[in-house]
Amino acid sequence: MEMASFTGVLKTLVYIILFYYAFKFLMRLLAPFLMRKAMEKMQEKMAQQMHQQQQRYQQNQYQEPAQQAMPKEKKKVGEYIDYEEVE
């Protein structure tokens, strides 16, 4: 089993710290761009959904009078019998 040298551990810590700050700096630069793209994508999706709902609503408005002309028939199952418990 090999022992880690002090300089190796120190180099690893420096690399981790440098990577952390570089990542943090890049995210500050890229985060507004990424958020803007995400918002645009969400807006497009919402607009598409709204358009689909409007189309469905308009189709249902034209179909409702035809559906209302036919009354629904109720099925007659039979007579209702109320049972009482006898003690």
PDB file of N, CA and C in Angstrom:
ATOM      1  N   MET A   1       0.845  -1.170   0.000  1.00  0.00           N
ATOM      2  CA  MET A   1       0.000   0.000   0.000  1.00  0.00           C
ATOM      3  C   MET A   1       0.890   1.232   0.000  1.00  0.00           C
ATOM      4  N   GLU A   2       0.592   2.142  -0.920  1.00  0.00           N
ATOM      5  CA  GLU A   2       1.417   3.347  -1.035  1.00  0.00           C
ATOM      6  C   GLU A   2       0.830   4.487  -0.227  1.00  0.00           C
ATOM      7  N   MET A   3       1.697   5.292   0.303  1.00  0.00           N
ATOM      8  CA  MET A   3       1.276   6.473   1.046  1.00  0.00           C
ATOM      9  C   MET A   3       1.215   7.651   0.085  1.00  0.00           C
ATOM     10  N   ALA A   4       0.189   8.468   0.230  1.00  0.00           N
ATOM     11  CA  ALA A   4       0.075   9.654  -0.601  1.00  0.00           C
ATOM     12  C   ALA A   4       1.056  10.699  -0.097  1.00  0.00           C
ATOM     13  N   SER A   5       1.736  11.330  -1.049  1.00  0.00           N
ATOM     14  CA  SER A   5       2.698  12.361  -0.650  1.00  0.00           C
ATOM     15  C   SER A   5       1.960  13.654  -0.320  1.00  0.00           C
ATOM     16  N   PHE A   6       2.596  14.467   0.468  1.00  0.00           N
ATOM     17  CA  PHE A   6       2.001  15.738   0.879  1.00  0.00           C
ATOM     18  C   PHE A   6       1.774  16.639  -0.326  1.00  0.00           C
ATOM     19  N   THR A   7       2.723  16.652  -1.263  1.00  0.00           N
ATOM     20  CA  THR A   7       2.584  17.509  -2.448  1.00  0.00           C
ATOM     21  C   THR A   7       1.443  17.011  -3.341  1.00  0.00           C
ATOM     22  N   GLY A   8       1.242  15.708  -3.416  1.00  0.00           N
ATOM     23  CA  GLY A   8       0.138  15.163  -4.214  1.00  0.00           C
ATOM     24  C   GLY A   8      -1.216  15.561  -3.659  1.00  0.00           C
ATOM     25  N   VAL A   9      -1.347  15.482  -2.330  1.00  0.00           N
ATOM     26  CA  VAL A   9      -2.595  15.882  -1.680  1.00  0.00           C
ATOM     27  C   VAL A   9      -2.816  17.377  -1.867  1.00  0.00           C
ATOM     28  N   LEU A  10      -1.758  18.159  -1.738  1.00  0.00           N
ATOM     29  CA  LEU A  10      -1.857  19.608  -1.907  1.00  0.00           C
ATOM     30  C   LEU A  10      -2.270  19.964  -3.334  1.00  0.00           C
ATOM     31  N   LYS A  11      -1.660  19.288  -4.327  1.00  0.00           N
ATOM     32  CA  LYS A  11      -2.027  19.535  -5.727  1.00  0.00           C
ATOM     33  C   LYS A  11      -3.500  19.200  -5.973  1.00  0.00           C
ATOM     34  N   THR A  12      -3.949  18.097  -5.414  1.00  0.00           N
ATOM     35  CA  THR A  12      -5.346  17.692  -5.591  1.00  0.00           C
ATOM     36  C   THR A  12      -6.286  18.730  -5.008  1.00  0.00           C
ATOM     37  N   LEU A  13      -5.984  19.227  -3.810  1.00  0.00           N
ATOM     38  CA  LEU A  13      -6.812  20.263  -3.192  1.00  0.00           C
ATOM     39  C   LEU A  13      -6.829  21.535  -4.026  1.00  0.00           C
ATOM     40  N   VAL A  14      -5.674  21.935  -4.563  1.00  0.00           N
ATOM     41  CA  VAL A  14      -5.597  23.133  -5.403  1.00  0.00           C
ATOM     42  C   VAL A  14      -6.440  22.948  -6.658  1.00  0.00           C
ATOM     43  N   TYR A  15      -6.357  21.767  -7.280  1.00  0.00           N
ATOM     44  CA  TYR A  15      -7.154  21.502  -8.481  1.00  0.00           C
ATOM     45  C   TYR A  15      -8.654  21.556  -8.180  1.00  0.00           C
ATOM     46  N   ILE A  16      -9.038  20.993  -7.062  1.00  0.00           N
ATOM     47  CA  ILE A  16     -10.457  21.011  -6.682  1.00  0.00           C
ATOM     48  C   ILE A  16     -10.932  22.443  -6.466  1.00  0.00           C
ATOM     49  N   ILE A  17     -10.133  23.228  -5.756  1.00  0.00           N
ATOM     50  CA  ILE A  17     -10.505  24.619  -5.496  1.00  0.00           C
ATOM     51  C   ILE A  17     -10.554  25.414  -6.794  1.00  0.00           C
ATOM     52  N   LEU A  18      -9.575  25.232  -7.677  1.00  0.00           N
ATOM     53  CA  LEU A  18      -9.574  25.936  -8.963  1.00  0.00           C
ATOM     54  C   LEU A  18     -10.789  25.535  -9.808  1.00  0.00           C
ATOM     55  N   PHE A  19     -11.087  24.264  -9.835  1.00  0.00           N
ATOM     56  CA  PHE A  19     -12.241  23.796 -10.596  1.00  0.00           C
ATOM     57  C   PHE A  19     -13.528  24.410 -10.050  1.00  0.00           C
ATOM     58  N   TYR A  20     -13.647  24.469  -8.735  1.00  0.00           N
ATOM     59  CA  TYR A  20     -14.840  25.037  -8.103  1.00  0.00           C
ATOM     60  C   TYR A  20     -15.029  26.489  -8.509  1.00  0.00           C
ATOM     61  N   TYR A  21     -13.960  27.304  -8.405  1.00  0.00           N
ATOM     62  CA  TYR A  21     -14.080  28.725  -8.740  1.00  0.00           C
ATOM     63  C   TYR A  21     -14.269  28.942 -10.241  1.00  0.00           C
ATOM     64  N   ALA A  22     -13.646  28.116 -11.076  1.00  0.00           N
ATOM     65  CA  ALA A  22     -13.844  28.236 -12.523  1.00  0.00           C
ATOM     66  C   ALA A  22     -15.297  27.894 -12.882  1.00  0.00           C
ATOM     67  N   PHE A  23     -15.835  26.854 -12.271  1.00  0.00           N
ATOM     68  CA  PHE A  23     -17.224  26.479 -12.509  1.00  0.00           C
ATOM     69  C   PHE A  23     -18.171  27.580 -12.052  1.00  0.00           C
ATOM     70  N   LYS A  24     -17.902  28.143 -10.890  1.00  0.00           N
ATOM     71  CA  LYS A  24     -18.725  29.217 -10.342  1.00  0.00           C
ATOM     72  C   LYS A  24     -18.692  30.440 -11.269  1.00  0.00           C
ATOM     73  N   PHE A  25     -17.510  30.786 -11.778  1.00  0.00           N
ATOM     74  CA  PHE A  25     -17.367  31.928 -12.683  1.00  0.00           C
ATOM     75  C   PHE A  25     -18.106  31.686 -14.001  1.00  0.00           C
ATOM     76  N   LEU A  26     -17.943  30.491 -14.553  1.00  0.00           N
ATOM     77  CA  LEU A  26     -18.629  30.177 -15.810  1.00  0.00           C
ATOM     78  C   LEU A  26     -20.149  30.162 -15.650  1.00  0.00           C
ATOM     79  N   MET A  27     -20.626  29.690 -14.531  1.00  0.00           N
ATOM     80  CA  MET A  27     -22.073  29.669 -14.315  1.00  0.00           C
ATOM     81  C   MET A  27     -22.631  31.085 -14.191  1.00  0.00           C
ATOM     82  N   ARG A  28     -21.856  31.992 -13.627  1.00  0.00           N
ATOM     83  CA  ARG A  28     -22.306  33.386 -13.574  1.00  0.00           C
ATOM     84  C   ARG A  28     -22.452  33.977 -14.963  1.00  0.00           C
ATOM     85  N   LEU A  29     -21.570  33.564 -15.862  1.00  0.00           N
ATOM     86  CA  LEU A  29     -21.641  34.072 -17.226  1.00  0.00           C
ATOM     87  C   LEU A  29     -22.741  33.375 -18.036  1.00  0.00           C
ATOM     88  N   LEU A  30     -22.889  32.071 -17.846  1.00  0.00           N
ATOM     89  CA  LEU A  30     -23.803  31.298 -18.676  1.00  0.00           C
ATOM     90  C   LEU A  30     -25.222  31.196 -18.115  1.00  0.00           C
ATOM     91  N   ALA A  31     -25.403  31.398 -16.832  1.00  0.00           N
ATOM     92  CA  ALA A  31     -26.720  31.209 -16.219  1.00  0.00           C
ATOM     93  C   ALA A  31     -27.795  32.115 -16.841  1.00  0.00           C
ATOM     94  N   PRO A  32     -27.548  33.400 -17.061  1.00  0.00           N
ATOM     95  CA  PRO A  32     -28.606  34.219 -17.677  1.00  0.00           C
ATOM     96  C   PRO A  32     -28.998  33.720 -19.063  1.00  0.00           C
ATOM     97  N   PHE A  33     -28.025  33.300 -19.842  1.00  0.00           N
ATOM     98  CA  PHE A  33     -28.311  32.780 -21.177  1.00  0.00           C
ATOM     99  C   PHE A  33     -29.137  31.499 -21.100  1.00  0.00           C
ATOM    100  N   LEU A  34     -28.752  30.593 -20.202  1.00  0.00           N
ATOM    101  CA  LEU A  34     -29.481  29.333 -20.051  1.00  0.00           C
ATOM    102  C   LEU A  34     -30.906  29.561 -19.528  1.00  0.00           C
ATOM    103  N   MET A  35     -31.055  30.486 -18.592  1.00  0.00           N
ATOM    104  CA  MET A  35     -32.378  30.789 -18.053  1.00  0.00           C
ATOM    105  C   MET A  35     -33.264  31.413 -19.130  1.00  0.00           C
ATOM    106  N   ARG A  36     -32.708  32.286 -19.944  1.00  0.00           N
ATOM    107  CA  ARG A  36     -33.471  32.920 -21.014  1.00  0.00           C
ATOM    108  C   ARG A  36     -33.968  31.865 -22.004  1.00  0.00           C
ATOM    109  N   LYS A  37     -33.084  30.931 -22.360  1.00  0.00           N
ATOM    110  CA  LYS A  37     -33.471  29.873 -23.288  1.00  0.00           C
ATOM    111  C   LYS A  37     -34.569  28.994 -22.680  1.00  0.00           C
ATOM    112  N   ALA A  38     -34.442  28.677 -21.405  1.00  0.00           N
ATOM    113  CA  ALA A  38     -35.445  27.847 -20.744  1.00  0.00           C
ATOM    114  C   ALA A  38     -36.799  28.565 -20.699  1.00  0.00           C
ATOM    115  N   MET A  39     -36.785  29.863 -20.424  1.00  0.00           N
ATOM    116  CA  MET A  39     -38.027  30.630 -20.379  1.00  0.00           C
ATOM    117  C   MET A  39     -38.680  30.700 -21.755  1.00  0.00           C
ATOM    118  N   GLU A  40     -37.888  30.893 -22.798  1.00  0.00           N
ATOM    119  CA  GLU A  40     -38.439  30.947 -24.152  1.00  0.00           C
ATOM    120  C   GLU A  40     -39.082  29.606 -24.517  1.00  0.00           C
ATOM    121  N   LYS A  41     -38.439  28.531 -24.138  1.00  0.00           N
ATOM    122  CA  LYS A  41     -38.963  27.204 -24.437  1.00  0.00           C
ATOM    123  C   LYS A  41     -40.286  26.978 -23.703  1.00  0.00           C
ATOM    124  N   MET A  42     -40.352  27.399 -22.429  1.00  0.00           N
ATOM    125  CA  MET A  42     -41.578  27.263 -21.654  1.00  0.00           C
ATOM    126  C   MET A  42     -42.699  28.114 -22.244  1.00  0.00           C
ATOM    127  N   GLN A  43     -42.366  29.327 -22.700  1.00  0.00           N
ATOM    128  CA  GLN A  43     -43.376  30.197 -23.300  1.00  0.00           C
ATOM    129  C   GLN A  43     -43.933  29.586 -24.575  1.00  0.00           C
ATOM    130  N   GLU A  44     -43.067  29.013 -25.395  1.00  0.00           N
ATOM    131  CA  GLU A  44     -43.521  28.370 -26.628  1.00  0.00           C
ATOM    132  C   GLU A  44     -44.444  27.193 -26.320  1.00  0.00           C
ATOM    133  N   LYS A  45     -44.073  26.405 -25.324  1.00  0.00           N
ATOM    134  CA  LYS A  45     -44.878  25.249 -24.951  1.00  0.00           C
ATOM    135  C   LYS A  45     -46.248  25.690 -24.424  1.00  0.00           C
ATOM    136  N   MET A  46     -46.267  26.742 -23.599  1.00  0.00           N
ATOM    137  CA  MET A  46     -47.525  27.234 -23.059  1.00  0.00           C
ATOM    138  C   MET A  46     -48.409  27.812 -24.166  1.00  0.00           C
ATOM    139  N   ALA A  47     -47.810  28.529 -25.107  1.00  0.00           N
ATOM    140  CA  ALA A  47     -48.576  29.080 -26.221  1.00  0.00           C
ATOM    141  C   ALA A  47     -49.178  27.968 -27.063  1.00  0.00           C
ATOM    142  N   GLN A  48     -48.416  26.914 -27.277  1.00  0.00           N
ATOM    143  CA  GLN A  48     -48.912  25.779 -28.054  1.00  0.00           C
ATOM    144  C   GLN A  48     -50.083  25.107 -27.333  1.00  0.00           C
ATOM    145  N   GLN A  49     -49.958  24.928 -26.028  1.00  0.00           N
ATOM    146  CA  GLN A  49     -51.035  24.306 -25.259  1.00  0.00           C
ATOM    147  C   GLN A  49     -52.289  25.181 -25.274  1.00  0.00           C
ATOM    148  N   MET A  50     -52.106  26.494 -25.160  1.00  0.00           N
ATOM    149  CA  MET A  50     -53.243  27.412 -25.180  1.00  0.00           C
ATOM    150  C   MET A  50     -53.947  27.362 -26.535  1.00  0.00           C
ATOM    151  N   HIS A  51     -53.165  27.299 -27.596  1.00  0.00           N
ATOM    152  CA  HIS A  51     -53.737  27.215 -28.941  1.00  0.00           C
ATOM    153  C   HIS A  51     -54.545  25.926 -29.099  1.00  0.00           C
ATOM    154  N   GLN A  52     -54.029  24.812 -28.590  1.00  0.00           N
ATOM    155  CA  GLN A  52     -54.749  23.540 -28.670  1.00  0.00           C
ATOM    156  C   GLN A  52     -56.048  23.593 -27.873  1.00  0.00           C
ATOM    157  N   GLN A  53     -56.011  24.227 -26.693  1.00  0.00           N
ATOM    158  CA  GLN A  53     -57.220  24.334 -25.881  1.00  0.00           C
ATOM    159  C   GLN A  53     -58.266  25.191 -26.576  1.00  0.00           C
ATOM    160  N   GLN A  54     -57.841  26.273 -27.218  1.00  0.00           N
ATOM    161  CA  GLN A  54     -58.784  27.125 -27.938  1.00  0.00           C
ATOM    162  C   GLN A  54     -59.427  26.354 -29.087  1.00  0.00           C
ATOM    163  N   GLN A  55     -58.648  25.545 -29.781  1.00  0.00           N
ATOM    164  CA  GLN A  55     -59.203  24.748 -30.869  1.00  0.00           C
ATOM    165  C   GLN A  55     -60.230  23.749 -30.343  1.00  0.00           C
ATOM    166  N   ARG A  56     -59.917  23.084 -29.242  1.00  0.00           N
ATOM    167  CA  ARG A  56     -60.861  22.125 -28.653  1.00  0.00           C
ATOM    168  C   ARG A  56     -62.139  22.826 -28.220  1.00  0.00           C
ATOM    169  N   TYR A  57     -61.991  24.003 -27.605  1.00  0.00           N
ATOM    170  CA  TYR A  57     -63.151  24.753 -27.129  1.00  0.00           C
ATOM    171  C   TYR A  57     -64.036  25.153 -28.302  1.00  0.00           C
ATOM    172  N   GLN A  58     -63.431  25.620 -29.382  1.00  0.00           N
ATOM    173  CA  GLN A  58     -64.209  26.019 -30.551  1.00  0.00           C
ATOM    174  C   GLN A  58     -64.888  24.807 -31.183  1.00  0.00           C
ATOM    175  N   GLN A  59     -64.228  23.668 -31.224  1.00  0.00           N
ATOM    176  CA  GLN A  59     -64.838  22.468 -31.777  1.00  0.00           C
ATOM    177  C   GLN A  59     -66.013  22.017 -30.912  1.00  0.00           C
ATOM    178  N   ASN A  60     -65.873  22.127 -29.603  1.00  0.00           N
ATOM    179  CA  ASN A  60     -66.953  21.728 -28.698  1.00  0.00           C
ATOM    180  C   ASN A  60     -68.141  22.664 -28.810  1.00  0.00           C
ATOM    181  N   GLN A  61     -67.925  23.942 -29.088  1.00  0.00           N
ATOM    182  CA  GLN A  61     -69.029  24.879 -29.234  1.00  0.00           C
ATOM    183  C   GLN A  61     -69.882  24.510 -30.437  1.00  0.00           C
ATOM    184  N   TYR A  62     -69.254  24.083 -31.509  1.00  0.00           N
ATOM    185  CA  TYR A  62     -70.003  23.725 -32.700  1.00  0.00           C
ATOM    186  C   TYR A  62     -70.704  22.389 -32.537  1.00  0.00           C
ATOM    187  N   GLN A  63     -70.191  21.517 -31.723  1.00  0.00           N
ATOM    188  CA  GLN A  63     -70.764  20.190 -31.562  1.00  0.00           C
ATOM    189  C   GLN A  63     -71.840  20.129 -30.486  1.00  0.00           C
ATOM    190  N   GLU A  64     -71.882  21.073 -29.568  1.00  0.00           N
ATOM    191  CA  GLU A  64     -72.835  21.007 -28.461  1.00  0.00           C
ATOM    192  C   GLU A  64     -74.292  21.016 -28.893  1.00  0.00           C
ATOM    193  N   PRO A  65     -74.739  21.867 -29.830  1.00  0.00           N
ATOM    194  CA  PRO A  65     -76.161  21.839 -30.189  1.00  0.00           C
ATOM    195  C   PRO A  65     -76.601  20.480 -30.730  1.00  0.00           C
ATOM    196  N   ALA A  66     -75.779  19.803 -31.471  1.00  0.00           N
ATOM    197  CA  ALA A  66     -76.136  18.487 -31.997  1.00  0.00           C
ATOM    198  C   ALA A  66     -76.266  17.477 -30.867  1.00  0.00           C
ATOM    199  N   GLN A  67     -75.430  17.587 -29.869  1.00  0.00           N
ATOM    200  CA  GLN A  67     -75.487  16.649 -28.752  1.00  0.00           C
ATOM    201  C   GLN A  67     -76.699  16.932 -27.870  1.00  0.00           C
ATOM    202  N   GLN A  68     -77.096  18.185 -27.752  1.00  0.00           N
ATOM    203  CA  GLN A  68     -78.222  18.531 -26.904  1.00  0.00           C
ATOM    204  C   GLN A  68     -79.547  18.126 -27.542  1.00  0.00           C
ATOM    205  N   ALA A  69     -79.604  17.973 -28.848  1.00  0.00           N
ATOM    206  CA  ALA A  69     -80.838  17.609 -29.523  1.00  0.00           C
ATOM    207  C   ALA A  69     -81.273  16.192 -29.156  1.00  0.00           C
ATOM    208  N   MET A  70     -80.341  15.323 -28.868  1.00  0.00           N
ATOM    209  CA  MET A  70     -80.674  13.947 -28.503  1.00  0.00           C
ATOM    210  C   MET A  70     -80.678  13.797 -26.985  1.00  0.00           C
ATOM    211  N   PRO A  71     -81.866  13.649 -26.385  1.00  0.00           N
ATOM    212  CA  PRO A  71     -81.883  13.453 -24.933  1.00  0.00           C
ATOM    213  C   PRO A  71     -81.413  12.041 -24.592  1.00  0.00           C
ATOM    214  N   LYS A  72     -80.751  11.938 -23.492  1.00  0.00           N
ATOM    215  CA  LYS A  72     -80.265  10.627 -23.058  1.00  0.00           C
ATOM    216  C   LYS A  72     -81.419   9.851 -22.428  1.00  0.00           C
ATOM    217  N   GLU A  73     -81.519   8.599 -22.798  1.00  0.00           N
ATOM    218  CA  GLU A  73     -82.564   7.754 -22.246  1.00  0.00           C
ATOM    219  C   GLU A  73     -82.050   7.098 -20.965  1.00  0.00           C
ATOM    220  N   LYS A  74     -82.909   7.086 -19.984  1.00  0.00           N
ATOM    221  CA  LYS A  74     -82.540   6.434 -18.738  1.00  0.00           C
ATOM    222  C   LYS A  74     -82.986   4.987 -18.799  1.00  0.00           C
ATOM    223  N   LYS A  75     -82.119   4.117 -18.360  1.00  0.00           N
ATOM    224  CA  LYS A  75     -82.452   2.697 -18.350  1.00  0.00           C
ATOM    225  C   LYS A  75     -83.327   2.407 -17.134  1.00  0.00           C
ATOM    226  N   LYS A  76     -84.376   1.668 -17.383  1.00  0.00           N
ATOM    227  CA  LYS A  76     -85.226   1.255 -16.275  1.00  0.00           C
ATOM    228  C   LYS A  76     -84.751  -0.121 -15.841  1.00  0.00           C
ATOM    229  N   VAL A  77     -84.161  -0.171 -14.680  1.00  0.00           N
ATOM    230  CA  VAL A  77     -83.577  -1.404 -14.191  1.00  0.00           C
ATOM    231  C   VAL A  77     -84.635  -2.262 -13.517  1.00  0.00           C
ATOM    232  N   GLY A  78     -85.535  -1.613 -12.837  1.00  0.00           N
ATOM    233  CA  GLY A  78     -86.557  -2.381 -12.128  1.00  0.00           C
ATOM    234  C   GLY A  78     -87.039  -1.618 -10.914  1.00  0.00           C
ATOM    235  N   GLU A  79     -87.752  -2.307 -10.092  1.00  0.00           N
ATOM    236  CA  GLU A  79     -88.346  -1.692  -8.927  1.00  0.00           C
ATOM    237  C   GLU A  79     -87.350  -1.680  -7.768  1.00  0.00           C
ATOM    238  N   TYR A  80     -87.371  -0.612  -6.969  1.00  0.00           N
ATOM    239  CA  TYR A  80     -86.474  -0.506  -5.824  1.00  0.00           C
ATOM    240  C   TYR A  80     -87.164  -1.135  -4.620  1.00  0.00           C
ATOM    241  N   ILE A  81     -86.479  -2.022  -3.967  1.00  0.00           N
ATOM    242  CA  ILE A  81     -87.053  -2.693  -2.792  1.00  0.00           C
ATOM    243  C   ILE A  81     -86.189  -2.355  -1.594  1.00  0.00           C
ATOM    244  N   ASP A  82     -86.845  -1.860  -0.549  1.00  0.00           N
ATOM    245  CA  ASP A  82     -86.134  -1.492   0.680  1.00  0.00           C
ATOM    246  C   ASP A  82     -86.280  -2.650   1.665  1.00  0.00           C
ATOM    247  N   TYR A  83     -85.179  -3.250   2.043  1.00  0.00           N
ATOM    248  CA  TYR A  83     -85.212  -4.369   2.971  1.00  0.00           C
ATOM    249  C   TYR A  83     -85.000  -3.870   4.384  1.00  0.00           C
ATOM    250  N   GLU A  84     -85.733  -4.442   5.309  1.00  0.00           N
ATOM    251  CA  GLU A  84     -85.589  -4.091   6.713  1.00  0.00           C
ATOM    252  C   GLU A  84     -85.030  -5.290   7.457  1.00  0.00           C
ATOM    253  N   GLU A  85     -84.176  -5.009   8.445  1.00  0.00           N
ATOM    254  CA  GLU A  85     -83.605  -6.090   9.239  1.00  0.00           C
ATOM    255  C   GLU A  85     -84.613  -6.569  10.277  1.00  0.00           C
ATOM    256  N   VAL A  86     -84.738  -7.871  10.410  1.00  0.00           N
ATOM    257  CA  VAL A  86     -85.641  -8.447  11.410  1.00  0.00           C
ATOM    258  C   VAL A  86     -84.784  -9.067  12.499  1.00  0.00           C
ATOM    259  N   GLU A  87     -85.061  -8.656  13.737  1.00  0.00           N
ATOM    260  CA  GLU A  87     -84.266  -9.196  14.846  1.00  0.00           C
ATOM    261  C   GLU A  87     -84.930 -10.369  15.501  1.00  0.00           C
TER     262      GLU A  87
END
